[in-house]
Every structure is written in C-alpha cells, then in structure tokens.
Amino acid sequence: MEDENYIAIAIDELNKPSFEVTKQYLDVMELELDNGIPKIARVDNHLSNDSVAIYFFIKDERFFLVVNLSKTSLPEVEWVWIENGHRVYLTATSDELTHKELSAYTLFQPLSGWSKGDIRKPSQSVYKFSRVSYEPNKNEAFDLEDKLLELLIELEIDKKGIIELSKNSNAYISICRHQYISGNAGIHFDLEIIKRLNKLNLEVDIDTYISGKEIE
C-alpha cells in the first residue's frame, strides 16, 4: 500500500478521533497545518512489527504526535503516542585551531561552525573558541538510539579522520532531546553503540529540553 493511503487514515484519526488518547493530546496541543492539513514530519514504514508510523508536527513544539497503523491491506489505527524530538550531531571545539584547521581533519564537508575571534551575530560579541559541527540528518522525528546509530555508521566512513579530530580537539556527539512533559525520559545506548563510540574515540553530551502541557 502507498504511503498516501496510510497518511489519509492517520489524518482521519486526527480529524475524527477514535482513540481517547488522541482526543486528550489534541485538547492540550495544536497540530501544525499545511494548507489546512496536518503537516507530516516523517513516515516510517520499516518498523519490525509490520506497522507504519506517521509523525506529525505540533505547533510551537519540537516533539511529535505519532499515529501507528497496521501494515495490512485494510490498515487500522493501532495506537497514538508522542515521540520526543532529537538532534544528533558531531561537534568539535578548540581554543587553538581555526574552523578551517578543524575541518581539515575529516572528509565530511562542509562543516558548520566558526573560528575563535569571529564576530557572533547579532550580539557582536567575539567567539572565544573555534567550533565545527556535522549533522547529516536534520529531521528530528527519530528515536534517539536509531538516529545516533545512523550518525556513527556514517562517521565510520572516515574513521581515521574522526579519530585524528578527537585527538586534536574536544570532539564528541551532541544530543539535543526535546521531550514532552510526560514523555519517556529514559535514555538507552546498547552495547553496539557503546563499542562504536569507543572505536571512534568520541564522548556524548546530552541536553534535554522539556515542554508541553500534560494530558488530563
């Protein structure tokens, strides 16, 4: 079945909720609309349990309302829940090296960031250290562990360069987690992820931002 059919069924659940939890979420949050239609952040049709998850943007929030459907010839809504939003990216900082010098260690280009001494806009203050960042997947509608593993697999393409970067700067994986106020606060890294981090000589830094209104 085409994604459009799953999307239509998911939107119908949002317009005419059959689950009480859908009603509860829509009572305390507003969906972001595109030409009057709930705006979609992601369609995940590769779940292991033969289901499809449709992620919808929520106005003024960075977590997502998710409608889960059975992956059958006659799909049905199975459940509705909130998925935290995640940014996961490589960061490296230095008090001595410039942005160009940090960027030279790895094949991944271009790297965002700045050099020590550059002017910070709009405050016109001066950056006190250099920084580079690499974020290949900017879609925040992903589970944390899945997104982290995706980044690590890509960084392994230039394992030598990443290790050299980590030896010559403060290099680590940055995680920005946008959590619904009553969402799952747990964080889990499986053994495979820990091994990959170790082989790349990378640390992890996690910032969690909690927002939203609880359902009644």
Protein backbone atom coordinates (compact mmCIF):
# COMPACT_ATOMS: atom_id res chain seq x y z
CA MET A 1 0.00 0.00 0.00
CA GLU A 2 1.23 3.52 -0.86
CA ASP A 3 2.23 5.90 1.94
CA GLU A 4 -0.55 8.28 0.88
CA ASN A 5 -3.20 5.75 1.93
CA TYR A 6 -1.67 5.31 5.39
CA ILE A 7 -1.38 9.09 5.71
CA ALA A 8 -5.04 9.57 4.82
CA ILE A 9 -6.12 7.08 7.51
CA ALA A 10 -3.84 8.72 10.09
CA ILE A 11 -5.21 12.19 9.30
CA ASP A 12 -8.75 10.85 9.57
CA GLU A 13 -7.91 9.69 13.12
CA LEU A 14 -6.77 13.21 13.95
CA ASN A 15 -9.87 14.80 12.43
CA LYS A 16 -12.31 12.27 13.93
CA PRO A 17 -10.53 10.60 16.87
CA SER A 18 -11.48 7.02 17.66
CA PHE A 19 -8.95 6.70 20.49
CA GLU A 20 -9.49 8.61 23.72
CA VAL A 21 -5.76 9.35 23.91
CA THR A 22 -5.95 11.13 20.54
CA LYS A 23 -8.64 13.41 21.94
CA GLN A 24 -6.59 14.03 25.07
CA TYR A 25 -3.49 15.05 23.11
CA LEU A 26 -5.47 17.33 20.79
CA ASP A 27 -7.05 19.02 23.82
CA VAL A 28 -3.64 20.24 25.05
CA MET A 29 -1.69 20.74 21.80
CA GLU A 30 -2.30 22.14 18.34
CA LEU A 31 -1.14 20.41 15.18
CA GLU A 32 0.88 22.40 12.67
CA LEU A 33 -1.09 22.72 9.43
CA ASP A 34 -0.07 23.00 5.78
CA ASN A 35 -2.96 24.37 3.68
CA GLY A 36 -5.34 23.22 6.40
CA ILE A 37 -3.93 19.67 6.55
CA PRO A 38 -1.82 18.31 9.46
CA LYS A 39 1.83 18.67 8.48
CA ILE A 40 3.85 15.45 8.30
CA ALA A 41 7.41 15.23 9.64
CA ARG A 42 8.11 11.62 8.73
CA VAL A 43 6.60 8.35 7.51
CA ASP A 44 8.28 5.25 8.95
CA ASN A 45 7.18 2.17 7.03
CA HIS A 46 10.14 0.00 8.02
CA LEU A 47 9.08 -0.98 11.53
CA SER A 48 9.83 -4.55 12.55
CA ASN A 49 6.29 -5.26 13.80
CA ASP A 50 4.58 -4.84 10.39
CA SER A 51 3.18 -1.43 11.17
CA VAL A 52 3.56 2.11 9.86
CA ALA A 53 4.16 5.24 11.97
CA ILE A 54 3.16 8.70 10.74
CA TYR A 55 4.84 11.61 12.57
CA PHE A 56 3.02 14.95 12.70
CA PHE A 57 4.42 18.37 13.61
CA ILE A 58 2.98 20.08 16.69
CA LYS A 59 2.72 23.85 16.65
CA ASP A 60 5.43 25.61 18.71
CA GLU A 61 6.88 22.28 19.88
CA ARG A 62 9.77 20.05 18.81
CA PHE A 63 8.28 16.70 19.73
CA PHE A 64 5.79 14.85 17.51
CA LEU A 65 2.35 13.28 17.56
CA VAL A 66 2.59 9.79 16.07
CA VAL A 67 -0.22 7.69 14.62
CA ASN A 68 0.64 3.98 14.36
CA LEU A 69 -1.21 1.85 11.79
CA SER A 70 -1.28 -1.85 10.96
CA LYS A 71 0.57 -2.66 7.74
CA THR A 72 -2.18 -4.68 6.04
CA SER A 73 -4.45 -4.47 3.02
CA LEU A 74 -7.04 -2.84 5.32
CA PRO A 75 -4.95 -0.72 7.71
CA GLU A 76 -6.30 0.30 11.09
CA VAL A 77 -5.03 2.74 13.67
CA GLU A 78 -3.30 0.73 16.41
CA TRP A 79 -2.21 3.50 18.77
CA VAL A 80 -1.34 7.18 19.09
CA TRP A 81 1.59 8.48 21.11
CA ILE A 82 4.17 11.26 21.48
CA GLU A 83 7.72 10.81 20.17
CA ASN A 84 10.45 13.05 21.56
CA GLY A 85 12.39 15.10 19.02
CA HIS A 86 16.15 14.58 18.67
CA ARG A 87 19.09 16.34 17.12
CA VAL A 88 22.24 14.21 16.97
CA TYR A 89 25.46 15.58 15.50
CA LEU A 90 29.25 15.58 15.69
CA THR A 91 30.84 18.58 17.43
CA ALA A 92 34.50 19.52 17.88
CA THR A 93 35.84 22.61 19.67
CA SER A 94 39.31 24.08 20.11
CA ASP A 95 40.94 27.09 21.74
CA GLU A 96 43.91 26.95 19.33
CA LEU A 97 42.75 25.68 15.94
CA THR A 98 40.62 27.60 13.43
CA HIS A 99 37.41 26.35 11.82
CA LYS A 100 39.38 25.61 8.65
CA GLU A 101 42.04 23.66 10.55
CA LEU A 102 39.44 21.60 12.42
CA SER A 103 37.56 20.89 9.19
CA ALA A 104 40.74 19.62 7.51
CA TYR A 105 40.86 16.52 9.73
CA THR A 106 37.80 14.86 8.20
CA LEU A 107 36.36 14.15 4.77
CA PHE A 108 32.89 15.32 5.83
CA GLN A 109 32.24 18.71 4.25
CA PRO A 110 31.01 21.34 4.70
CA LEU A 111 31.13 21.64 8.47
CA SER A 112 29.14 24.40 10.13
CA GLY A 113 30.65 26.50 12.91
CA TRP A 114 33.07 29.36 13.44
CA SER A 115 36.65 30.31 14.31
CA LYS A 116 37.89 31.80 17.55
CA GLY A 117 37.78 35.58 17.18
CA ASP A 118 34.87 35.64 14.71
CA ILE A 119 32.05 38.06 15.45
CA ARG A 120 28.92 36.48 16.92
CA LYS A 121 25.74 37.87 15.36
CA PRO A 122 23.56 39.67 16.32
CA SER A 123 25.23 40.41 19.70
CA GLN A 124 28.52 41.49 18.05
CA SER A 125 30.44 39.64 20.77
CA VAL A 126 33.53 37.59 19.88
CA TYR A 127 33.68 33.79 19.86
CA LYS A 128 36.16 32.59 22.47
CA PHE A 129 36.77 29.20 20.84
CA SER A 130 36.51 27.54 17.44
CA ARG A 131 33.80 25.00 16.63
CA VAL A 132 32.78 22.65 13.82
CA SER A 133 29.61 20.56 13.63
CA TYR A 134 28.35 17.85 11.29
CA GLU A 135 24.66 16.88 11.21
CA PRO A 136 23.78 14.73 8.17
CA ASN A 137 20.18 14.01 9.25
CA LYS A 138 18.39 17.15 10.44
CA ASN A 139 14.95 15.52 10.68
CA GLU A 140 14.21 15.44 14.42
CA ALA A 141 11.39 12.86 14.15
CA PHE A 142 13.55 9.85 15.02
CA ASP A 143 14.13 7.68 18.05
CA LEU A 144 17.35 8.71 19.80
CA GLU A 145 19.14 5.37 19.58
CA ASP A 146 18.26 4.91 15.90
CA LYS A 147 19.48 8.38 14.99
CA LEU A 148 22.70 8.00 16.97
CA LEU A 149 23.48 4.68 15.31
CA GLU A 150 22.82 6.22 11.89
CA LEU A 151 25.34 9.00 12.59
CA LEU A 152 28.01 6.64 13.94
CA ILE A 153 27.77 4.38 10.89
CA GLU A 154 28.32 7.41 8.66
CA LEU A 155 31.26 8.69 10.72
CA GLU A 156 32.93 5.29 10.40
CA ILE A 157 33.34 6.01 6.68
CA ASP A 158 36.18 8.32 7.76
CA LYS A 159 37.18 6.60 10.99
CA LYS A 160 40.82 7.68 10.71
CA GLY A 161 39.85 11.33 10.25
CA ILE A 162 37.39 11.33 13.16
CA ILE A 163 39.99 9.79 15.48
CA GLU A 164 42.54 12.43 14.45
CA LEU A 165 39.95 15.13 15.04
CA SER A 166 39.24 13.75 18.51
CA LYS A 167 42.98 13.67 19.33
CA ASN A 168 43.45 17.33 18.37
CA SER A 169 40.23 18.86 19.70
CA ASN A 170 37.40 18.33 22.15
CA ALA A 171 35.28 16.11 19.89
CA TYR A 172 32.02 14.50 20.94
CA ILE A 173 28.49 13.59 19.88
CA SER A 174 25.96 16.31 20.76
CA ILE A 175 22.41 15.20 21.53
CA CYS A 176 19.58 17.71 21.90
CA ARG A 177 16.47 15.98 23.20
CA HIS A 178 13.11 17.76 23.06
CA GLN A 179 10.90 15.85 25.45
CA TYR A 180 7.18 16.02 26.03
CA ILE A 181 6.48 16.81 29.68
CA SER A 182 5.02 13.36 30.38
CA GLY A 183 7.12 11.53 27.80
CA ASN A 184 9.60 8.74 28.38
CA ALA A 185 12.67 10.29 29.99
CA GLY A 186 14.77 7.14 29.74
CA ILE A 187 17.91 7.00 27.58
CA HIS A 188 19.44 3.72 26.47
CA PHE A 189 22.57 3.00 24.44
CA ASP A 190 23.03 -0.64 23.52
CA LEU A 191 26.40 -2.38 23.52
CA GLU A 192 26.88 -1.92 19.76
CA ILE A 193 26.56 1.86 20.06
CA ILE A 194 28.96 1.98 23.01
CA LYS A 195 31.54 -0.06 21.07
CA ARG A 196 31.22 2.21 18.04
CA LEU A 197 31.66 5.34 20.19
CA ASN A 198 34.75 3.82 21.77
CA LYS A 199 36.32 2.92 18.40
CA LEU A 200 35.79 6.49 17.19
CA ASN A 201 37.18 7.90 20.47
CA LEU A 202 34.05 10.03 20.98
CA GLU A 203 32.24 11.21 24.09
CA VAL A 204 28.50 12.00 24.32
CA ASP A 205 26.91 15.22 25.59
CA ILE A 206 23.12 15.26 26.17
CA ASP A 207 20.91 18.33 26.67
CA THR A 208 17.22 17.72 27.45
CA TYR A 209 14.52 20.34 26.96
CA ILE A 210 11.11 19.55 28.47
CA SER A 211 7.95 21.32 27.31
CA GLY A 212 4.26 20.88 26.58
CA LYS A 213 1.12 20.50 28.68
CA GLU A 214 0.17 17.22 30.27
CA ILE A 215 -2.97 15.43 29.19
CA GLU A 216 -5.70 15.07 31.80
